[in-house]
Amino acid sequence: MKNPGIFFGAIIVAIVCFLIGIYYALPGVNHILVSGKTPPMDPQPAHILLFMGLAVLCIIAALVTRPKANR
């Protein structure tokens, strides 16, 4: 399945997930949608791992669905 729409969509989602992962890694920023023992101003390790993992999965999806070059 070589669909360029899925390829570019996976790249965009990977970039967004990577940026959200960086956001949750910044200390001293009030992180939204946080619950649990970690204070909202501290880095959120669970959120960082989640969004970085999603970014890796999207990169793999983009590599699998990349369009072939025209010859």
C-alpha atoms as a PDB file:
ATOM      1  CA  MET A   1       0.000   0.000   0.000  1.00  0.00           C
ATOM      2  CA  LYS A   2       1.900   3.015  -1.274  1.00  0.00           C
ATOM      3  CA  ASN A   3      -0.453   5.913  -0.550  1.00  0.00           C
ATOM      4  CA  PRO A   4       1.184   9.378  -0.522  1.00  0.00           C
ATOM      5  CA  GLY A   5      -1.582  10.717   1.727  1.00  0.00           C
ATOM      6  CA  ILE A   6      -0.764   8.216   4.463  1.00  0.00           C
ATOM      7  CA  PHE A   7       2.959   8.920   3.984  1.00  0.00           C
ATOM      8  CA  PHE A   8       2.643  12.680   4.464  1.00  0.00           C
ATOM      9  CA  GLY A   9       0.023  12.271   7.203  1.00  0.00           C
ATOM     10  CA  ALA A  10       2.345   9.988   9.156  1.00  0.00           C
ATOM     11  CA  ILE A  11       5.164  12.525   8.841  1.00  0.00           C
ATOM     12  CA  ILE A  12       2.940  15.357  10.109  1.00  0.00           C
ATOM     13  CA  VAL A  13       1.645  13.283  13.044  1.00  0.00           C
ATOM     14  CA  ALA A  14       5.230  12.235  13.898  1.00  0.00           C
ATOM     15  CA  ILE A  15       6.360  15.867  14.003  1.00  0.00           C
ATOM     16  CA  VAL A  16       3.379  16.875  16.174  1.00  0.00           C
ATOM     17  CA  CYS A  17       3.972  13.962  18.581  1.00  0.00           C
ATOM     18  CA  PHE A  18       7.672  14.815  18.789  1.00  0.00           C
ATOM     19  CA  LEU A  19       6.877  18.452  19.645  1.00  0.00           C
ATOM     20  CA  ILE A  20       4.320  17.418  22.283  1.00  0.00           C
ATOM     21  CA  GLY A  21       6.911  15.049  23.782  1.00  0.00           C
ATOM     22  CA  ILE A  22       9.373  17.936  24.022  1.00  0.00           C
ATOM     23  CA  TYR A  23       6.661  20.099  25.618  1.00  0.00           C
ATOM     24  CA  TYR A  24       6.119  17.537  28.376  1.00  0.00           C
ATOM     25  CA  ALA A  25       9.904  17.311  28.917  1.00  0.00           C
ATOM     26  CA  LEU A  26      10.289  21.024  29.709  1.00  0.00           C
ATOM     27  CA  PRO A  27      10.595  21.766  33.428  1.00  0.00           C
ATOM     28  CA  GLY A  28       8.894  24.825  34.889  1.00  0.00           C
ATOM     29  CA  VAL A  29       6.014  24.837  32.391  1.00  0.00           C
ATOM     30  CA  ASN A  30       2.454  24.152  33.512  1.00  0.00           C
ATOM     31  CA  HIS A  31       1.638  20.935  31.651  1.00  0.00           C
ATOM     32  CA  ILE A  32      -2.014  20.459  30.789  1.00  0.00           C
ATOM     33  CA  LEU A  33      -3.886  17.154  31.088  1.00  0.00           C
ATOM     34  CA  VAL A  34      -1.678  15.837  33.897  1.00  0.00           C
ATOM     35  CA  SER A  35      -2.851  13.633  36.712  1.00  0.00           C
ATOM     36  CA  GLY A  36      -1.003  11.454  39.175  1.00  0.00           C
ATOM     37  CA  LYS A  37       1.876  11.935  41.565  1.00  0.00           C
ATOM     38  CA  THR A  38       4.082  14.145  39.367  1.00  0.00           C
ATOM     39  CA  PRO A  39       3.435  17.882  39.861  1.00  0.00           C
ATOM     40  CA  PRO A  40       2.266  19.732  36.726  1.00  0.00           C
ATOM     41  CA  MET A  41       5.385  21.935  36.670  1.00  0.00           C
ATOM     42  CA  ASP A  42       7.811  18.976  36.495  1.00  0.00           C
ATOM     43  CA  PRO A  43       8.690  16.909  33.412  1.00  0.00           C
ATOM     44  CA  GLN A  44       6.181  14.125  32.834  1.00  0.00           C
ATOM     45  CA  PRO A  45       8.100  10.916  32.013  1.00  0.00           C
ATOM     46  CA  ALA A  46       5.027   8.862  31.099  1.00  0.00           C
ATOM     47  CA  HIS A  47       3.812  11.499  28.654  1.00  0.00           C
ATOM     48  CA  ILE A  48       7.293  11.902  27.170  1.00  0.00           C
ATOM     49  CA  LEU A  49       7.594   8.156  26.531  1.00  0.00           C
ATOM     50  CA  LEU A  50       4.077   7.968  25.127  1.00  0.00           C
ATOM     51  CA  PHE A  51       4.473  10.768  22.593  1.00  0.00           C
ATOM     52  CA  MET A  52       8.024   9.853  21.584  1.00  0.00           C
ATOM     53  CA  GLY A  53       6.862   6.252  21.077  1.00  0.00           C
ATOM     54  CA  LEU A  54       3.995   7.469  18.906  1.00  0.00           C
ATOM     55  CA  ALA A  55       6.446   9.575  16.902  1.00  0.00           C
ATOM     56  CA  VAL A  56       8.630   6.517  16.284  1.00  0.00           C
ATOM     57  CA  LEU A  57       5.606   4.472  15.196  1.00  0.00           C
ATOM     58  CA  CYS A  58       4.568   7.213  12.775  1.00  0.00           C
ATOM     59  CA  ILE A  59       8.081   7.384  11.337  1.00  0.00           C
ATOM     60  CA  ILE A  60       7.993   3.621  10.776  1.00  0.00           C
ATOM     61  CA  ALA A  61       4.568   3.957   9.125  1.00  0.00           C
ATOM     62  CA  ALA A  62       5.933   6.696   6.858  1.00  0.00           C
ATOM     63  CA  LEU A  63       8.878   4.511   5.859  1.00  0.00           C
ATOM     64  CA  VAL A  64       6.592   1.589   5.059  1.00  0.00           C
ATOM     65  CA  THR A  65       4.185   3.686   2.977  1.00  0.00           C
ATOM     66  CA  ARG A  66       6.670   5.950   1.204  1.00  0.00           C
ATOM     67  CA  PRO A  67       5.910   6.391  -2.492  1.00  0.00           C
ATOM     68  CA  LYS A  68       8.282   4.876  -5.020  1.00  0.00           C
ATOM     69  CA  ALA A  69      10.368   7.135  -7.255  1.00  0.00           C
ATOM     70  CA  ASN A  70       9.258   7.395 -10.882  1.00  0.00           C
ATOM     71  CA  ARG A  71      11.766   5.982 -13.344  1.00  0.00           C
END
